[in-house]
Amino acid sequence: MKRHCFALDLKDDPELIREYEAYHQAVWPEILDSIRKSGIQHMEIYRIQNRLFMIMDTAEDFSLSQKAEMDAGNPKVQEWEALMWTYQQALPGAKPGEKWMPMKAIFHWSAE
C-alpha cells in the first residue's frame, strides 16, 4: 500500500466552508465509485480553518496520471470537480489549474 498526502485551501468564507463540508457528508455515489475504481483504498480529508489535508492510501500500482485520465473522461467527476472548485482556492505557489498539491513526507515513526 502507498500513502499520498495533499493540501488545498477553501475560500475563507464560513458559509462556503459549511456547504463544502455538507457535500462531503453525502458524496455522490458516482464519485465514490470513481475513487474505488482508480485504486484508492482509503481516503480522508481533514480541515483546519480553510486549509484542507487529504490522505489517500492506494494500491502499489496506483497512478495519479491514470486517475487524472479516468476523471477527465467521466462527466460526473467533472461536474463534481467544477462544483467543488466554487468552494476551493489554490494554495500559494500553485501552478495555474493546480488544485490538490502533493505534500512531502518529512517524518515517519512506527512502533512496529
N, C-alpha and C. Protein backbone atom coordinates (compact mmCIF):
# COMPACT_ATOMS: atom_id res chain seq x y z
N MET A 1 0.85 -1.18 0.00
CA MET A 1 0.00 0.00 0.00
C MET A 1 0.89 1.24 0.00
N LYS A 2 0.48 2.26 -0.74
CA LYS A 2 1.19 3.53 -0.80
C LYS A 2 0.30 4.61 -0.17
N ARG A 3 0.93 5.58 0.47
CA ARG A 3 0.19 6.70 1.06
C ARG A 3 0.55 7.97 0.30
N HIS A 4 -0.46 8.76 -0.01
CA HIS A 4 -0.30 10.05 -0.67
C HIS A 4 -0.99 11.10 0.19
N CYS A 5 -0.37 12.26 0.36
CA CYS A 5 -0.96 13.35 1.15
C CYS A 5 -0.95 14.62 0.31
N PHE A 6 -2.05 15.35 0.39
CA PHE A 6 -2.23 16.55 -0.42
C PHE A 6 -2.82 17.67 0.42
N ALA A 7 -2.62 18.90 0.00
CA ALA A 7 -3.21 20.07 0.66
C ALA A 7 -3.89 20.96 -0.38
N LEU A 8 -4.89 21.67 0.09
CA LEU A 8 -5.65 22.61 -0.74
C LEU A 8 -6.36 23.56 0.22
N ASP A 9 -6.66 24.75 -0.23
CA ASP A 9 -7.40 25.70 0.59
C ASP A 9 -8.84 25.82 0.12
N LEU A 10 -9.70 26.15 1.08
CA LEU A 10 -11.06 26.57 0.76
C LEU A 10 -11.10 28.08 0.77
N LYS A 11 -12.07 28.64 0.09
CA LYS A 11 -12.29 30.08 0.20
C LYS A 11 -12.63 30.37 1.65
N ASP A 12 -12.08 31.44 2.18
CA ASP A 12 -12.21 31.73 3.61
C ASP A 12 -13.55 32.40 3.89
N ASP A 13 -14.62 31.62 3.79
CA ASP A 13 -15.98 32.10 3.98
C ASP A 13 -16.73 31.01 4.77
N PRO A 14 -17.16 31.30 5.99
CA PRO A 14 -17.79 30.28 6.84
C PRO A 14 -18.98 29.57 6.18
N GLU A 15 -19.79 30.27 5.43
CA GLU A 15 -20.94 29.65 4.78
C GLU A 15 -20.49 28.68 3.67
N LEU A 16 -19.51 29.11 2.87
CA LEU A 16 -18.99 28.22 1.82
C LEU A 16 -18.33 26.99 2.43
N ILE A 17 -17.62 27.17 3.52
CA ILE A 17 -16.97 26.03 4.20
C ILE A 17 -18.03 25.07 4.72
N ARG A 18 -19.11 25.58 5.30
CA ARG A 18 -20.21 24.74 5.79
C ARG A 18 -20.81 23.94 4.64
N GLU A 19 -21.05 24.59 3.51
CA GLU A 19 -21.61 23.91 2.34
C GLU A 19 -20.67 22.82 1.83
N TYR A 20 -19.37 23.13 1.77
CA TYR A 20 -18.38 22.16 1.31
C TYR A 20 -18.40 20.92 2.20
N GLU A 21 -18.42 21.13 3.51
CA GLU A 21 -18.46 20.00 4.43
C GLU A 21 -19.75 19.20 4.26
N ALA A 22 -20.87 19.88 4.02
CA ALA A 22 -22.14 19.18 3.82
C ALA A 22 -22.07 18.28 2.60
N TYR A 23 -21.46 18.74 1.51
CA TYR A 23 -21.30 17.89 0.34
C TYR A 23 -20.48 16.64 0.67
N HIS A 24 -19.52 16.78 1.56
CA HIS A 24 -18.67 15.65 1.90
C HIS A 24 -19.29 14.71 2.93
N GLN A 25 -20.45 15.07 3.44
CA GLN A 25 -21.22 14.15 4.27
C GLN A 25 -22.12 13.27 3.42
N ALA A 26 -22.27 13.64 2.15
CA ALA A 26 -23.13 12.88 1.22
C ALA A 26 -22.50 12.93 -0.17
N VAL A 27 -21.28 12.41 -0.28
CA VAL A 27 -20.58 12.41 -1.58
C VAL A 27 -21.38 11.60 -2.58
N TRP A 28 -21.48 12.11 -3.79
CA TRP A 28 -22.25 11.42 -4.82
C TRP A 28 -21.71 10.00 -5.02
N PRO A 29 -22.60 9.03 -5.19
CA PRO A 29 -22.15 7.63 -5.37
C PRO A 29 -21.23 7.44 -6.57
N GLU A 30 -21.43 8.21 -7.63
CA GLU A 30 -20.57 8.10 -8.82
C GLU A 30 -19.13 8.52 -8.51
N ILE A 31 -18.99 9.45 -7.57
CA ILE A 31 -17.65 9.91 -7.17
C ILE A 31 -16.96 8.83 -6.35
N LEU A 32 -17.70 8.25 -5.42
CA LEU A 32 -17.14 7.16 -4.61
C LEU A 32 -16.76 5.98 -5.48
N ASP A 33 -17.58 5.68 -6.48
CA ASP A 33 -17.28 4.59 -7.41
C ASP A 33 -16.00 4.89 -8.20
N SER A 34 -15.85 6.12 -8.63
CA SER A 34 -14.65 6.53 -9.37
C SER A 34 -13.41 6.41 -8.50
N ILE A 35 -13.52 6.81 -7.25
CA ILE A 35 -12.39 6.70 -6.31
C ILE A 35 -12.00 5.24 -6.16
N ARG A 36 -12.99 4.39 -5.94
CA ARG A 36 -12.74 2.95 -5.76
C ARG A 36 -12.09 2.34 -6.99
N LYS A 37 -12.60 2.65 -8.16
CA LYS A 37 -12.09 2.05 -9.41
C LYS A 37 -10.68 2.52 -9.75
N SER A 38 -10.26 3.65 -9.20
CA SER A 38 -8.93 4.18 -9.53
C SER A 38 -7.81 3.48 -8.75
N GLY A 39 -8.17 2.70 -7.74
CA GLY A 39 -7.15 2.03 -6.93
C GLY A 39 -6.93 2.68 -5.57
N ILE A 40 -7.74 3.68 -5.26
CA ILE A 40 -7.67 4.28 -3.93
C ILE A 40 -8.42 3.36 -2.97
N GLN A 41 -7.76 2.99 -1.88
CA GLN A 41 -8.35 2.04 -0.94
C GLN A 41 -8.90 2.74 0.31
N HIS A 42 -8.38 3.91 0.60
CA HIS A 42 -8.81 4.65 1.80
C HIS A 42 -8.52 6.13 1.55
N MET A 43 -9.48 6.97 1.93
CA MET A 43 -9.29 8.41 1.75
C MET A 43 -9.91 9.13 2.94
N GLU A 44 -9.21 10.13 3.43
CA GLU A 44 -9.73 11.00 4.48
C GLU A 44 -9.35 12.44 4.12
N ILE A 45 -10.25 13.37 4.47
CA ILE A 45 -9.96 14.79 4.30
C ILE A 45 -10.17 15.45 5.66
N TYR A 46 -9.18 16.22 6.08
CA TYR A 46 -9.24 16.97 7.33
C TYR A 46 -9.21 18.46 7.01
N ARG A 47 -9.75 19.26 7.93
CA ARG A 47 -9.76 20.70 7.74
C ARG A 47 -9.36 21.40 9.03
N ILE A 48 -8.54 22.43 8.89
CA ILE A 48 -8.31 23.41 9.96
C ILE A 48 -8.46 24.78 9.31
N GLN A 49 -9.35 25.58 9.86
CA GLN A 49 -9.71 26.86 9.29
C GLN A 49 -10.10 26.63 7.82
N ASN A 50 -9.40 27.22 6.87
CA ASN A 50 -9.78 26.99 5.46
C ASN A 50 -8.77 26.09 4.74
N ARG A 51 -7.86 25.45 5.47
CA ARG A 51 -6.86 24.56 4.87
C ARG A 51 -7.36 23.11 4.94
N LEU A 52 -7.27 22.42 3.82
CA LEU A 52 -7.64 21.01 3.73
C LEU A 52 -6.40 20.15 3.62
N PHE A 53 -6.48 18.96 4.19
CA PHE A 53 -5.41 17.97 4.13
C PHE A 53 -6.05 16.64 3.77
N MET A 54 -5.62 16.02 2.69
CA MET A 54 -6.19 14.75 2.23
C MET A 54 -5.13 13.65 2.32
N ILE A 55 -5.55 12.52 2.88
CA ILE A 55 -4.71 11.34 2.96
C ILE A 55 -5.36 10.26 2.09
N MET A 56 -4.57 9.69 1.18
CA MET A 56 -5.05 8.60 0.33
C MET A 56 -4.11 7.41 0.49
N ASP A 57 -4.66 6.26 0.79
CA ASP A 57 -3.91 5.01 0.75
C ASP A 57 -4.35 4.29 -0.51
N THR A 58 -3.37 3.85 -1.29
CA THR A 58 -3.67 3.28 -2.60
C THR A 58 -2.98 1.94 -2.80
N ALA A 59 -3.41 1.25 -3.84
CA ALA A 59 -2.71 0.06 -4.29
C ALA A 59 -1.30 0.48 -4.72
N GLU A 60 -0.36 -0.43 -4.66
CA GLU A 60 1.03 -0.13 -5.04
C GLU A 60 1.14 0.38 -6.47
N ASP A 61 0.29 -0.13 -7.37
CA ASP A 61 0.37 0.24 -8.78
C ASP A 61 -0.49 1.47 -9.12
N PHE A 62 -1.00 2.17 -8.11
CA PHE A 62 -1.82 3.36 -8.34
C PHE A 62 -1.01 4.41 -9.09
N SER A 63 -1.69 5.10 -10.02
CA SER A 63 -1.05 6.14 -10.81
C SER A 63 -1.92 7.40 -10.78
N LEU A 64 -1.33 8.51 -10.33
CA LEU A 64 -2.06 9.78 -10.33
C LEU A 64 -2.42 10.20 -11.75
N SER A 65 -1.53 9.97 -12.71
CA SER A 65 -1.82 10.37 -14.08
C SER A 65 -2.94 9.51 -14.67
N GLN A 66 -2.97 8.23 -14.32
CA GLN A 66 -4.05 7.36 -14.81
C GLN A 66 -5.38 7.78 -14.19
N LYS A 67 -5.37 8.16 -12.91
CA LYS A 67 -6.60 8.63 -12.28
C LYS A 67 -7.06 9.92 -12.95
N ALA A 68 -6.14 10.82 -13.25
CA ALA A 68 -6.49 12.07 -13.93
C ALA A 68 -7.12 11.79 -15.29
N GLU A 69 -6.59 10.81 -16.01
CA GLU A 69 -7.18 10.42 -17.30
C GLU A 69 -8.58 9.89 -17.13
N MET A 70 -8.76 9.00 -16.14
CA MET A 70 -10.10 8.44 -15.86
C MET A 70 -11.08 9.56 -15.52
N ASP A 71 -10.64 10.49 -14.67
CA ASP A 71 -11.50 11.60 -14.25
C ASP A 71 -11.87 12.50 -15.42
N ALA A 72 -10.92 12.75 -16.31
CA ALA A 72 -11.17 13.62 -17.47
C ALA A 72 -12.24 13.04 -18.38
N GLY A 73 -12.35 11.72 -18.41
CA GLY A 73 -13.34 11.07 -19.26
C GLY A 73 -14.65 10.75 -18.56
N ASN A 74 -14.81 11.22 -17.34
CA ASN A 74 -16.01 10.92 -16.57
C ASN A 74 -16.80 12.21 -16.33
N PRO A 75 -17.92 12.41 -17.03
CA PRO A 75 -18.68 13.66 -16.90
C PRO A 75 -19.15 13.95 -15.47
N LYS A 76 -19.49 12.92 -14.72
CA LYS A 76 -19.97 13.15 -13.35
C LYS A 76 -18.81 13.64 -12.46
N VAL A 77 -17.63 13.09 -12.64
CA VAL A 77 -16.46 13.55 -11.89
C VAL A 77 -16.16 15.00 -12.28
N GLN A 78 -16.25 15.32 -13.56
CA GLN A 78 -16.01 16.70 -13.99
C GLN A 78 -17.04 17.66 -13.40
N GLU A 79 -18.29 17.22 -13.30
CA GLU A 79 -19.34 18.04 -12.69
C GLU A 79 -19.02 18.27 -11.20
N TRP A 80 -18.62 17.21 -10.50
CA TRP A 80 -18.26 17.31 -9.08
C TRP A 80 -17.08 18.26 -8.90
N GLU A 81 -16.04 18.09 -9.73
CA GLU A 81 -14.84 18.93 -9.61
C GLU A 81 -15.17 20.40 -9.85
N ALA A 82 -16.01 20.68 -10.83
CA ALA A 82 -16.41 22.07 -11.10
C ALA A 82 -17.18 22.64 -9.91
N LEU A 83 -18.07 21.84 -9.33
CA LEU A 83 -18.83 22.28 -8.16
C LEU A 83 -17.89 22.53 -6.98
N MET A 84 -16.98 21.61 -6.72
CA MET A 84 -16.07 21.77 -5.59
C MET A 84 -15.16 22.98 -5.76
N TRP A 85 -14.81 23.31 -7.00
CA TRP A 85 -13.93 24.46 -7.24
C TRP A 85 -14.61 25.77 -6.86
N THR A 86 -15.93 25.79 -6.77
CA THR A 86 -16.62 27.01 -6.32
C THR A 86 -16.33 27.28 -4.85
N TYR A 87 -15.88 26.26 -4.13
CA TYR A 87 -15.55 26.38 -2.70
C TYR A 87 -14.04 26.44 -2.45
N GLN A 88 -13.26 25.94 -3.39
CA GLN A 88 -11.82 25.79 -3.20
C GLN A 88 -11.06 26.95 -3.82
N GLN A 89 -9.81 27.09 -3.37
CA GLN A 89 -8.88 28.04 -3.99
C GLN A 89 -7.49 27.43 -3.92
N ALA A 90 -6.69 27.76 -4.89
CA ALA A 90 -5.34 27.20 -4.98
C ALA A 90 -4.48 27.67 -3.82
N LEU A 91 -3.55 26.83 -3.44
CA LEU A 91 -2.56 27.20 -2.44
C LEU A 91 -1.60 28.23 -3.03
N PRO A 92 -1.01 29.07 -2.18
CA PRO A 92 0.03 29.97 -2.69
C PRO A 92 1.12 29.15 -3.37
N GLY A 93 1.57 29.58 -4.51
CA GLY A 93 2.61 28.87 -5.23
C GLY A 93 2.11 27.79 -6.17
N ALA A 94 0.80 27.58 -6.22
CA ALA A 94 0.25 26.57 -7.14
C ALA A 94 0.38 27.05 -8.58
N LYS A 95 0.57 26.10 -9.48
CA LYS A 95 0.60 26.42 -10.90
C LYS A 95 -0.84 26.66 -11.37
N PRO A 96 -1.04 27.38 -12.47
CA PRO A 96 -2.40 27.60 -12.97
C PRO A 96 -3.13 26.26 -13.17
N GLY A 97 -4.33 26.19 -12.62
CA GLY A 97 -5.15 24.98 -12.74
C GLY A 97 -4.81 23.90 -11.73
N GLU A 98 -3.77 24.08 -10.93
CA GLU A 98 -3.38 23.07 -9.94
C GLU A 98 -4.25 23.21 -8.70
N LYS A 99 -4.84 22.09 -8.29
CA LYS A 99 -5.70 22.08 -7.10
C LYS A 99 -4.95 21.43 -5.95
N TRP A 100 -5.26 20.18 -5.67
CA TRP A 100 -4.62 19.46 -4.58
C TRP A 100 -3.13 19.34 -4.85
N MET A 101 -2.31 19.87 -3.96
CA MET A 101 -0.86 19.83 -4.13
C MET A 101 -0.27 18.72 -3.26
N PRO A 102 0.61 17.90 -3.84
CA PRO A 102 1.21 16.83 -3.05
C PRO A 102 2.11 17.39 -1.95
N MET A 103 2.07 16.72 -0.82
CA MET A 103 2.90 17.12 0.32
C MET A 103 4.07 16.15 0.44
N LYS A 104 5.19 16.66 0.89
CA LYS A 104 6.40 15.86 1.08
C LYS A 104 6.42 15.32 2.51
N ALA A 105 6.60 14.02 2.64
CA ALA A 105 6.74 13.41 3.97
C ALA A 105 8.09 13.82 4.54
N ILE A 106 8.08 14.32 5.76
CA ILE A 106 9.34 14.75 6.38
C ILE A 106 9.64 13.99 7.67
N PHE A 107 8.69 13.18 8.16
CA PHE A 107 8.91 12.41 9.37
C PHE A 107 7.98 11.21 9.37
N HIS A 108 8.51 10.10 9.79
CA HIS A 108 7.69 8.90 9.94
C HIS A 108 8.25 8.10 11.10
N TRP A 109 7.37 7.62 11.95
CA TRP A 109 7.76 6.80 13.07
C TRP A 109 6.71 5.72 13.25
N SER A 110 7.11 4.55 13.63
CA SER A 110 6.18 3.47 13.87
C SER A 110 6.72 2.59 15.00
N ALA A 111 5.86 2.15 15.87
CA ALA A 111 6.25 1.26 16.96
C ALA A 111 6.37 -0.18 16.45
N GLU A 112 5.97 -0.41 15.25
CA GLU A 112 6.00 -1.79 14.70
C GLU A 112 7.38 -2.20 14.31
